[in-house]
Amino acid sequence: MYRILIVEDDTGIAGAIAKRASMWGLDTRCVEDFANVMREFSAYDPHLVLLDISLPFFDGYHWCGEIRRVSQVPVIFISSAVDNMNIVMAINMGGDDFIAKPFDQSVLMAKIQ
């Protein structure tokens, strides 16, 4: 089964993504310990990471860099920080795509597919 790691501190958004993904037959895990994202990443071994920029402890740029040290798994940033500088930084840090909040769940599922 296709595994998606959701690194989003807004539990409402993370839960909505997980629910929609499960309707498509995808397995998801929402990170709960934002100080140890890499531990959850390694244990889950996802096929895709959905990553917010603004997170507790370390931001999404940091975690994307850490993921890139050990994996080339696709990373899609999902953030409300939609100015061009943040989008460029997300891609330069190793992100594969960027989706601006608020977003349509159908568009997110199309990008995941």
C-alpha atoms as a PDB file:
ATOM      1  CA  MET A   1       0.000   0.000   0.000  1.00  0.00           C
ATOM      2  CA  TYR A   2       1.164   3.525  -0.819  1.00  0.00           C
ATOM      3  CA  ARG A   3       2.309   5.267   2.411  1.00  0.00           C
ATOM      4  CA  ILE A   4       2.065   9.035   2.961  1.00  0.00           C
ATOM      5  CA  LEU A   5       3.659  10.787   5.940  1.00  0.00           C
ATOM      6  CA  ILE A   6       1.794  13.967   6.876  1.00  0.00           C
ATOM      7  CA  VAL A   7       3.950  16.518   8.718  1.00  0.00           C
ATOM      8  CA  GLU A   8       1.313  19.111   9.631  1.00  0.00           C
ATOM      9  CA  ASP A   9       0.770  20.547  13.124  1.00  0.00           C
ATOM     10  CA  ASP A  10      -2.822  21.631  12.450  1.00  0.00           C
ATOM     11  CA  THR A  11      -4.663  18.456  13.445  1.00  0.00           C
ATOM     12  CA  GLY A  12      -7.776  19.507  11.529  1.00  0.00           C
ATOM     13  CA  ILE A  13      -5.879  19.796   8.253  1.00  0.00           C
ATOM     14  CA  ALA A  14      -3.821  16.662   8.896  1.00  0.00           C
ATOM     15  CA  GLY A  15      -6.945  14.675   9.757  1.00  0.00           C
ATOM     16  CA  ALA A  16      -8.821  15.903   6.685  1.00  0.00           C
ATOM     17  CA  ILE A  17      -5.917  14.926   4.421  1.00  0.00           C
ATOM     18  CA  ALA A  18      -5.643  11.505   6.069  1.00  0.00           C
ATOM     19  CA  LYS A  19      -9.382  10.896   5.722  1.00  0.00           C
ATOM     20  CA  ARG A  20      -9.443  11.856   2.035  1.00  0.00           C
ATOM     21  CA  ALA A  21      -6.332   9.788   1.298  1.00  0.00           C
ATOM     22  CA  SER A  22      -7.856   6.723   2.959  1.00  0.00           C
ATOM     23  CA  MET A  23     -10.873   7.087   0.654  1.00  0.00           C
ATOM     24  CA  TRP A  24      -8.397   6.633  -2.220  1.00  0.00           C
ATOM     25  CA  GLY A  25      -6.929   3.514  -0.609  1.00  0.00           C
ATOM     26  CA  LEU A  26      -3.785   5.257   0.625  1.00  0.00           C
ATOM     27  CA  ASP A  27      -2.169   4.612   4.008  1.00  0.00           C
ATOM     28  CA  THR A  28      -1.277   7.718   6.007  1.00  0.00           C
ATOM     29  CA  ARG A  29       0.479   8.558   9.215  1.00  0.00           C
ATOM     30  CA  CYS A  30       0.361  11.968  10.862  1.00  0.00           C
ATOM     31  CA  VAL A  31       3.493  13.020  12.728  1.00  0.00           C
ATOM     32  CA  GLU A  32       2.762  13.660  16.391  1.00  0.00           C
ATOM     33  CA  ASP A  33       6.257  14.295  17.771  1.00  0.00           C
ATOM     34  CA  PHE A  34       7.503  17.346  15.897  1.00  0.00           C
ATOM     35  CA  ALA A  35      10.854  17.289  17.690  1.00  0.00           C
ATOM     36  CA  ASN A  36      11.577  13.857  16.188  1.00  0.00           C
ATOM     37  CA  VAL A  37      10.171  13.879  12.667  1.00  0.00           C
ATOM     38  CA  MET A  38      13.047  11.790  11.316  1.00  0.00           C
ATOM     39  CA  ARG A  39      12.353   8.998  13.787  1.00  0.00           C
ATOM     40  CA  GLU A  40       8.771   8.772  12.504  1.00  0.00           C
ATOM     41  CA  PHE A  41       9.979   9.094   8.900  1.00  0.00           C
ATOM     42  CA  SER A  42      12.422   6.209   9.301  1.00  0.00           C
ATOM     43  CA  ALA A  43       9.946   3.969  11.127  1.00  0.00           C
ATOM     44  CA  TYR A  44       7.166   4.527   8.567  1.00  0.00           C
ATOM     45  CA  ASP A  45       9.304   4.527   5.384  1.00  0.00           C
ATOM     46  CA  PRO A  46       6.823   6.602   3.349  1.00  0.00           C
ATOM     47  CA  HIS A  47       6.483   6.811  -0.427  1.00  0.00           C
ATOM     48  CA  LEU A  48       5.540  10.519  -0.158  1.00  0.00           C
ATOM     49  CA  VAL A  49       5.849  13.278   2.460  1.00  0.00           C
ATOM     50  CA  LEU A  50       3.389  16.160   2.804  1.00  0.00           C
ATOM     51  CA  LEU A  51       5.245  18.857   4.730  1.00  0.00           C
ATOM     52  CA  ASP A  52       4.143  22.161   6.252  1.00  0.00           C
ATOM     53  CA  ILE A  53       6.689  24.982   6.570  1.00  0.00           C
ATOM     54  CA  SER A  54       5.628  26.372   9.965  1.00  0.00           C
ATOM     55  CA  LEU A  55       6.074  23.634  12.554  1.00  0.00           C
ATOM     56  CA  PRO A  56       6.994  23.445  16.237  1.00  0.00           C
ATOM     57  CA  PHE A  57      10.707  23.041  17.104  1.00  0.00           C
ATOM     58  CA  PHE A  58      12.124  23.066  13.522  1.00  0.00           C
ATOM     59  CA  ASP A  59      10.533  24.324  10.312  1.00  0.00           C
ATOM     60  CA  GLY A  60       9.691  22.287   7.228  1.00  0.00           C
ATOM     61  CA  TYR A  61      12.818  23.490   5.434  1.00  0.00           C
ATOM     62  CA  HIS A  62      14.933  21.866   8.144  1.00  0.00           C
ATOM     63  CA  TRP A  63      13.025  18.588   7.932  1.00  0.00           C
ATOM     64  CA  CYS A  64      13.158  18.540   4.133  1.00  0.00           C
ATOM     65  CA  GLY A  65      16.940  18.913   4.338  1.00  0.00           C
ATOM     66  CA  GLU A  66      17.135  16.067   6.845  1.00  0.00           C
ATOM     67  CA  ILE A  67      14.948  13.857   4.648  1.00  0.00           C
ATOM     68  CA  ARG A  68      17.118  14.640   1.611  1.00  0.00           C
ATOM     69  CA  ARG A  69      20.216  13.440   3.508  1.00  0.00           C
ATOM     70  CA  VAL A  70      18.779   9.903   3.578  1.00  0.00           C
ATOM     71  CA  SER A  71      16.099   9.674   0.887  1.00  0.00           C
ATOM     72  CA  GLN A  72      14.853  10.945  -2.457  1.00  0.00           C
ATOM     73  CA  VAL A  73      11.199  10.310  -1.539  1.00  0.00           C
ATOM     74  CA  PRO A  74       8.938  12.983  -3.088  1.00  0.00           C
ATOM     75  CA  VAL A  75       8.169  15.905  -0.762  1.00  0.00           C
ATOM     76  CA  ILE A  76       5.192  18.197  -1.336  1.00  0.00           C
ATOM     77  CA  PHE A  77       5.166  21.350   0.773  1.00  0.00           C
ATOM     78  CA  ILE A  78       1.727  22.473   1.942  1.00  0.00           C
ATOM     79  CA  SER A  79       1.771  25.946   3.452  1.00  0.00           C
ATOM     80  CA  SER A  80      -0.018  29.242   3.877  1.00  0.00           C
ATOM     81  CA  ALA A  81       3.344  30.997   3.450  1.00  0.00           C
ATOM     82  CA  VAL A  82       2.753  31.452  -0.280  1.00  0.00           C
ATOM     83  CA  ASP A  83       5.009  34.343  -1.179  1.00  0.00           C
ATOM     84  CA  ASN A  84       7.471  33.617  -3.960  1.00  0.00           C
ATOM     85  CA  MET A  85      10.443  33.527  -1.591  1.00  0.00           C
ATOM     86  CA  ASN A  86       8.933  30.665   0.447  1.00  0.00           C
ATOM     87  CA  ILE A  87       7.993  28.722  -2.665  1.00  0.00           C
ATOM     88  CA  VAL A  88      11.504  29.121  -4.104  1.00  0.00           C
ATOM     89  CA  MET A  89      13.085  28.148  -0.766  1.00  0.00           C
ATOM     90  CA  ALA A  90      10.864  25.050  -0.532  1.00  0.00           C
ATOM     91  CA  ILE A  91      11.962  23.887  -3.979  1.00  0.00           C
ATOM     92  CA  ASN A  92      15.617  24.808  -3.361  1.00  0.00           C
ATOM     93  CA  MET A  93      15.619  22.824  -0.106  1.00  0.00           C
ATOM     94  CA  GLY A  94      14.590  19.706  -2.011  1.00  0.00           C
ATOM     95  CA  GLY A  95      10.820  19.942  -2.229  1.00  0.00           C
ATOM     96  CA  ASP A  96       9.217  18.534  -5.361  1.00  0.00           C
ATOM     97  CA  ASP A  97       6.038  20.617  -5.339  1.00  0.00           C
ATOM     98  CA  PHE A  98       4.207  23.311  -3.360  1.00  0.00           C
ATOM     99  CA  ILE A  99       0.510  23.575  -2.584  1.00  0.00           C
ATOM    100  CA  ALA A 100      -0.859  26.799  -1.091  1.00  0.00           C
ATOM    101  CA  LYS A 101      -3.291  26.740   1.837  1.00  0.00           C
ATOM    102  CA  PRO A 102      -6.201  26.822   1.661  1.00  0.00           C
ATOM    103  CA  PHE A 103      -6.274  24.124  -0.998  1.00  0.00           C
ATOM    104  CA  ASP A 104      -8.852  21.946  -2.659  1.00  0.00           C
ATOM    105  CA  GLN A 105      -8.601  18.311  -1.543  1.00  0.00           C
ATOM    106  CA  SER A 106      -9.242  17.155  -5.119  1.00  0.00           C
ATOM    107  CA  VAL A 107      -6.189  19.062  -6.354  1.00  0.00           C
ATOM    108  CA  LEU A 108      -4.066  17.559  -3.576  1.00  0.00           C
ATOM    109  CA  MET A 109      -5.229  14.027  -4.434  1.00  0.00           C
ATOM    110  CA  ALA A 110      -4.525  14.651  -8.135  1.00  0.00           C
ATOM    111  CA  LYS A 111      -0.951  15.716  -7.290  1.00  0.00           C
ATOM    112  CA  ILE A 112      -0.498  12.673  -5.048  1.00  0.00           C
ATOM    113  CA  GLN A 113      -1.707  10.367  -7.806  1.00  0.00           C
END
